[in-house]
Amino acid sequence: MIKAEVLEALKQMTTVDRLEIIEMASRLIREELAVKPRVIDRQELSLTKAVEVMCPYYEQGSELTVFTDQDTEDFYEYQEYA
């Protein structure tokens, strides 16, 4: 059902029925919100763990930083580029 159909169906219900629907929808939203923070916490823990694992690779003098360009000149100023 799309929003317009839901709204049209709500218009045709009694006030009591509409309130019941609103209460049920609110309960579903609250239950969903109660679950989402746990998922976010797991993701944050995963990201934190990933940072801890990868951090040594990006420290100065590591194998990844060997390939960084320490020259401050812009690339387009080089005369001998391919």
N, C-alpha and C. Protein backbone atom coordinates (compact mmCIF):
# COMPACT_ATOMS: atom_id res chain seq x y z
N MET A 1 0.83 -1.19 0.00
CA MET A 1 0.00 0.00 0.00
C MET A 1 0.88 1.25 0.00
N ILE A 2 0.52 2.20 -0.81
CA ILE A 2 1.27 3.45 -0.81
C ILE A 2 0.62 4.43 0.17
N LYS A 3 1.31 5.51 0.45
CA LYS A 3 0.84 6.48 1.45
C LYS A 3 -0.57 6.98 1.15
N ALA A 4 -0.83 7.31 -0.09
CA ALA A 4 -2.14 7.84 -0.45
C ALA A 4 -3.24 6.83 -0.15
N GLU A 5 -2.99 5.56 -0.44
CA GLU A 5 -3.98 4.52 -0.16
C GLU A 5 -4.20 4.35 1.34
N VAL A 6 -3.12 4.41 2.10
CA VAL A 6 -3.22 4.29 3.55
C VAL A 6 -4.03 5.45 4.11
N LEU A 7 -3.73 6.66 3.66
CA LEU A 7 -4.46 7.83 4.14
C LEU A 7 -5.94 7.76 3.77
N GLU A 8 -6.22 7.30 2.57
CA GLU A 8 -7.61 7.17 2.15
C GLU A 8 -8.34 6.13 3.00
N ALA A 9 -7.67 5.02 3.28
CA ALA A 9 -8.27 3.98 4.13
C ALA A 9 -8.50 4.52 5.54
N LEU A 10 -7.57 5.31 6.06
CA LEU A 10 -7.73 5.90 7.39
C LEU A 10 -8.93 6.84 7.44
N LYS A 11 -9.14 7.59 6.37
CA LYS A 11 -10.27 8.51 6.33
C LYS A 11 -11.61 7.79 6.45
N GLN A 12 -11.64 6.56 5.96
CA GLN A 12 -12.89 5.81 5.95
C GLN A 12 -13.11 5.04 7.25
N MET A 13 -12.13 5.03 8.15
CA MET A 13 -12.26 4.31 9.43
C MET A 13 -12.86 5.22 10.49
N THR A 14 -13.36 4.58 11.53
CA THR A 14 -13.84 5.35 12.67
C THR A 14 -12.64 5.90 13.44
N THR A 15 -12.90 6.86 14.29
CA THR A 15 -11.84 7.46 15.08
C THR A 15 -11.16 6.42 15.96
N VAL A 16 -11.95 5.55 16.53
CA VAL A 16 -11.39 4.50 17.39
C VAL A 16 -10.46 3.58 16.59
N ASP A 17 -10.89 3.19 15.40
CA ASP A 17 -10.05 2.34 14.55
C ASP A 17 -8.75 3.05 14.16
N ARG A 18 -8.85 4.34 13.82
CA ARG A 18 -7.66 5.11 13.47
C ARG A 18 -6.67 5.18 14.63
N LEU A 19 -7.20 5.40 15.84
CA LEU A 19 -6.34 5.45 17.02
C LEU A 19 -5.65 4.12 17.26
N GLU A 20 -6.36 3.02 17.04
CA GLU A 20 -5.75 1.69 17.19
C GLU A 20 -4.61 1.51 16.18
N ILE A 21 -4.84 1.92 14.96
CA ILE A 21 -3.81 1.82 13.92
C ILE A 21 -2.59 2.66 14.30
N ILE A 22 -2.84 3.88 14.76
CA ILE A 22 -1.75 4.77 15.16
C ILE A 22 -0.95 4.15 16.31
N GLU A 23 -1.65 3.58 17.28
CA GLU A 23 -0.97 2.95 18.42
C GLU A 23 -0.13 1.76 17.96
N MET A 24 -0.66 0.94 17.06
CA MET A 24 0.10 -0.20 16.55
C MET A 24 1.33 0.26 15.77
N ALA A 25 1.15 1.28 14.93
CA ALA A 25 2.27 1.80 14.15
C ALA A 25 3.34 2.39 15.07
N SER A 26 2.91 3.11 16.10
CA SER A 26 3.86 3.68 17.06
C SER A 26 4.64 2.58 17.78
N ARG A 27 3.95 1.52 18.15
CA ARG A 27 4.60 0.39 18.83
C ARG A 27 5.65 -0.24 17.91
N LEU A 28 5.29 -0.43 16.64
CA LEU A 28 6.25 -1.01 15.67
C LEU A 28 7.49 -0.12 15.53
N ILE A 29 7.28 1.18 15.47
CA ILE A 29 8.40 2.11 15.33
C ILE A 29 9.28 2.06 16.56
N ARG A 30 8.66 2.05 17.76
CA ARG A 30 9.44 1.97 19.00
C ARG A 30 10.26 0.70 19.06
N GLU A 31 9.67 -0.43 18.65
CA GLU A 31 10.39 -1.71 18.64
C GLU A 31 11.57 -1.65 17.67
N GLU A 32 11.34 -1.07 16.51
CA GLU A 32 12.40 -0.95 15.51
C GLU A 32 13.54 -0.06 16.02
N LEU A 33 13.19 1.04 16.65
CA LEU A 33 14.21 1.94 17.19
C LEU A 33 14.99 1.30 18.33
N ALA A 34 14.34 0.43 19.07
CA ALA A 34 15.03 -0.26 20.16
C ALA A 34 16.06 -1.24 19.63
N VAL A 35 15.83 -1.78 18.44
CA VAL A 35 16.76 -2.74 17.84
C VAL A 35 17.91 -2.03 17.13
N LYS A 36 17.66 -0.92 16.46
CA LYS A 36 18.68 -0.24 15.66
C LYS A 36 19.92 0.20 16.44
N PRO A 37 19.79 0.75 17.65
CA PRO A 37 21.02 1.14 18.35
C PRO A 37 21.99 -0.02 18.56
N ARG A 38 21.46 -1.21 18.78
CA ARG A 38 22.33 -2.37 18.94
C ARG A 38 23.09 -2.64 17.65
N VAL A 39 22.44 -2.51 16.51
CA VAL A 39 23.09 -2.72 15.22
C VAL A 39 24.17 -1.65 15.02
N ILE A 40 23.86 -0.42 15.34
CA ILE A 40 24.83 0.67 15.20
C ILE A 40 26.03 0.41 16.10
N ASP A 41 25.79 -0.04 17.33
CA ASP A 41 26.89 -0.33 18.24
C ASP A 41 27.80 -1.40 17.66
N ARG A 42 27.23 -2.42 17.07
CA ARG A 42 28.06 -3.48 16.46
C ARG A 42 28.88 -2.92 15.31
N GLN A 43 28.26 -2.06 14.49
CA GLN A 43 28.99 -1.46 13.38
C GLN A 43 30.11 -0.59 13.89
N GLU A 44 29.85 0.19 14.93
CA GLU A 44 30.89 1.04 15.48
C GLU A 44 32.02 0.20 16.03
N LEU A 45 31.69 -0.91 16.68
CA LEU A 45 32.74 -1.79 17.19
C LEU A 45 33.55 -2.38 16.04
N SER A 46 32.89 -2.72 14.96
CA SER A 46 33.59 -3.26 13.80
C SER A 46 34.52 -2.21 13.21
N LEU A 47 34.05 -0.98 13.11
CA LEU A 47 34.89 0.09 12.58
C LEU A 47 36.06 0.38 13.51
N THR A 48 35.80 0.35 14.81
CA THR A 48 36.88 0.57 15.77
C THR A 48 37.93 -0.52 15.64
N LYS A 49 37.49 -1.75 15.52
CA LYS A 49 38.42 -2.87 15.37
C LYS A 49 39.21 -2.73 14.07
N ALA A 50 38.54 -2.33 13.00
CA ALA A 50 39.21 -2.15 11.72
C ALA A 50 40.28 -1.07 11.81
N VAL A 51 39.98 0.01 12.50
CA VAL A 51 40.96 1.08 12.68
C VAL A 51 42.17 0.56 13.44
N GLU A 52 41.91 -0.20 14.50
CA GLU A 52 43.01 -0.73 15.30
C GLU A 52 43.89 -1.67 14.47
N VAL A 53 43.26 -2.46 13.62
CA VAL A 53 44.01 -3.41 12.79
C VAL A 53 44.84 -2.67 11.74
N MET A 54 44.24 -1.65 11.10
CA MET A 54 44.91 -0.98 9.99
C MET A 54 45.88 0.13 10.40
N CYS A 55 45.74 0.65 11.60
CA CYS A 55 46.54 1.79 12.04
C CYS A 55 48.05 1.57 11.86
N PRO A 56 48.62 0.43 12.23
CA PRO A 56 50.06 0.25 12.06
C PRO A 56 50.53 0.35 10.60
N TYR A 57 49.66 0.02 9.67
CA TYR A 57 50.03 0.08 8.26
C TYR A 57 50.19 1.51 7.76
N TYR A 58 49.57 2.46 8.44
CA TYR A 58 49.62 3.85 8.00
C TYR A 58 50.55 4.72 8.84
N GLU A 59 51.26 4.12 9.79
CA GLU A 59 52.20 4.89 10.59
C GLU A 59 53.41 5.25 9.75
N GLN A 60 54.05 6.33 10.10
CA GLN A 60 55.21 6.80 9.35
C GLN A 60 56.29 5.72 9.34
N GLY A 61 56.85 5.45 8.16
CA GLY A 61 57.88 4.45 8.01
C GLY A 61 57.35 3.06 7.70
N SER A 62 56.03 2.88 7.68
CA SER A 62 55.48 1.56 7.36
C SER A 62 55.55 1.32 5.86
N GLU A 63 55.23 0.11 5.45
CA GLU A 63 55.33 -0.25 4.03
C GLU A 63 54.41 0.60 3.16
N LEU A 64 53.24 0.98 3.65
CA LEU A 64 52.33 1.78 2.83
C LEU A 64 52.83 3.20 2.62
N THR A 65 53.49 3.76 3.62
CA THR A 65 53.93 5.15 3.49
C THR A 65 55.20 5.27 2.66
N VAL A 66 55.88 4.16 2.37
CA VAL A 66 57.08 4.19 1.54
C VAL A 66 56.73 4.73 0.15
N PHE A 67 55.54 4.45 -0.32
CA PHE A 67 55.15 4.84 -1.67
C PHE A 67 54.53 6.23 -1.75
N THR A 68 54.43 6.94 -0.67
CA THR A 68 53.87 8.29 -0.72
C THR A 68 54.87 9.26 -1.28
N ASP A 69 54.37 10.25 -1.94
CA ASP A 69 55.22 11.27 -2.56
C ASP A 69 55.51 12.36 -1.54
N GLN A 70 56.74 12.47 -1.13
CA GLN A 70 57.13 13.47 -0.16
C GLN A 70 57.46 14.80 -0.83
N ASP A 71 57.51 14.80 -2.16
CA ASP A 71 57.82 16.01 -2.91
C ASP A 71 56.60 16.91 -2.89
N THR A 72 56.78 18.19 -2.60
CA THR A 72 55.66 19.11 -2.50
C THR A 72 55.31 19.77 -3.83
N GLU A 73 56.09 19.50 -4.89
CA GLU A 73 55.78 20.08 -6.19
C GLU A 73 54.53 19.42 -6.78
N ASP A 74 53.77 20.19 -7.55
CA ASP A 74 52.60 19.65 -8.21
C ASP A 74 53.02 18.74 -9.35
N PHE A 75 52.24 17.70 -9.61
CA PHE A 75 52.56 16.72 -10.63
C PHE A 75 52.67 17.34 -12.02
N TYR A 76 51.80 18.27 -12.33
CA TYR A 76 51.80 18.82 -13.68
C TYR A 76 53.05 19.61 -13.99
N GLU A 77 53.83 19.96 -12.99
CA GLU A 77 55.06 20.72 -13.24
C GLU A 77 56.23 19.80 -13.61
N TYR A 78 56.08 18.50 -13.45
CA TYR A 78 57.16 17.58 -13.81
C TYR A 78 57.35 17.61 -15.32
N GLN A 79 58.56 17.53 -15.75
CA GLN A 79 58.86 17.52 -17.17
C GLN A 79 58.87 16.11 -17.76
N GLU A 80 59.17 15.13 -16.92
CA GLU A 80 59.36 13.78 -17.43
C GLU A 80 58.24 12.84 -16.97
N TYR A 81 57.04 13.19 -17.24
CA TYR A 81 55.94 12.29 -16.91
C TYR A 81 55.39 11.65 -18.16
N ALA A 82 54.79 10.51 -18.03
CA ALA A 82 54.33 9.74 -19.20
C ALA A 82 53.12 10.37 -19.85
